[in-house]
Amino acid sequence: MSKLIRMDHTGHSTVAEWTGDDPAAVEAAVAAFAQELDRGYLAMVSAGPGKAEQVRELPVSADLVILRLPISGG
């Protein structure tokens, strides 16, 4: 089962879960993903040991997609 999680004040919250053979769950995950991006979150997936890459579309085949807010500073 794949997961879309959002990093937050609790550590993380599960936003969506899906399997490739459940079209309704995939559709719900894609909608939740888009909503989180609209709220300003960035989405990351693993790109190998110690590496991650930002994605702008939900990679349905990924095991884990992590949402986080951009780092702010000044």
Protein backbone atom coordinates (compact mmCIF):
# COMPACT_ATOMS: atom_id res chain seq x y z
CA MET A 1 0.00 0.00 0.00
CA SER A 2 1.29 3.44 -0.94
CA LYS A 3 1.06 6.42 1.40
CA LEU A 4 0.94 10.19 1.11
CA ILE A 5 2.05 11.79 4.37
CA ARG A 6 2.30 15.40 5.50
CA MET A 7 5.05 16.45 7.91
CA ASP A 8 3.44 18.54 10.65
CA HIS A 9 3.55 19.40 14.35
CA THR A 10 2.62 15.80 15.31
CA GLY A 11 5.53 14.36 13.33
CA HIS A 12 3.42 13.34 10.35
CA SER A 13 -0.18 12.75 9.32
CA THR A 14 -1.39 10.28 6.71
CA VAL A 15 -3.23 12.20 3.99
CA ALA A 16 -4.03 9.28 1.65
CA GLU A 17 -3.37 5.58 1.09
CA TRP A 18 -3.89 3.68 -2.15
CA THR A 19 -3.06 0.60 -4.18
CA GLY A 20 -2.70 0.58 -7.94
CA ASP A 21 -5.63 -1.80 -8.34
CA ASP A 22 -8.10 0.56 -6.58
CA PRO A 23 -9.00 3.36 -9.02
CA ALA A 24 -11.19 5.18 -6.49
CA ALA A 25 -8.37 5.29 -3.93
CA VAL A 26 -5.90 6.48 -6.58
CA GLU A 27 -8.31 9.23 -7.65
CA ALA A 28 -8.78 10.33 -4.04
CA ALA A 29 -5.01 10.36 -3.48
CA VAL A 30 -4.42 12.45 -6.63
CA ALA A 31 -7.06 14.94 -5.46
CA ALA A 32 -5.57 15.11 -1.93
CA PHE A 33 -2.08 15.57 -3.42
CA ALA A 34 -3.25 18.49 -5.56
CA GLN A 35 -5.00 20.10 -2.60
CA GLU A 36 -1.85 19.93 -0.47
CA LEU A 37 0.26 21.46 -3.25
CA ASP A 38 -2.31 24.27 -3.50
CA ARG A 39 -1.84 24.85 0.25
CA GLY A 40 1.88 25.45 -0.35
CA TYR A 41 3.34 22.03 0.46
CA LEU A 42 6.20 20.51 -1.51
CA ALA A 43 6.12 16.80 -2.37
CA MET A 44 9.20 14.59 -2.17
CA VAL A 45 9.96 10.97 -3.08
CA SER A 46 13.06 8.88 -2.50
CA ALA A 47 15.64 8.95 -5.29
CA GLY A 48 17.94 6.38 -3.71
CA PRO A 49 19.84 6.14 -0.44
CA GLY A 50 20.13 9.59 1.13
CA LYS A 51 18.52 11.36 -1.84
CA ALA A 52 15.08 12.77 -2.60
CA GLU A 53 13.49 14.59 -5.48
CA GLN A 54 10.58 16.99 -5.65
CA VAL A 55 7.53 15.90 -7.67
CA ARG A 56 4.65 17.98 -8.97
CA GLU A 57 2.37 15.05 -9.88
CA LEU A 58 1.55 12.13 -7.62
CA PRO A 59 3.78 9.19 -8.58
CA VAL A 60 1.14 6.50 -8.13
CA SER A 61 3.74 3.72 -8.14
CA ALA A 62 5.77 5.25 -5.26
CA ASP A 63 5.56 3.55 -1.87
CA LEU A 64 5.83 6.82 0.04
CA VAL A 65 5.31 10.47 -0.89
CA ILE A 66 6.20 13.06 1.75
CA LEU A 67 4.65 16.53 1.88
CA ARG A 68 6.49 19.33 3.66
CA LEU A 69 6.41 23.09 3.81
CA PRO A 70 9.29 25.04 2.25
CA ILE A 71 12.03 26.04 4.66
CA SER A 72 11.72 29.70 5.54
CA GLY A 73 14.42 31.93 6.82
CA GLY A 74 16.00 35.22 6.33
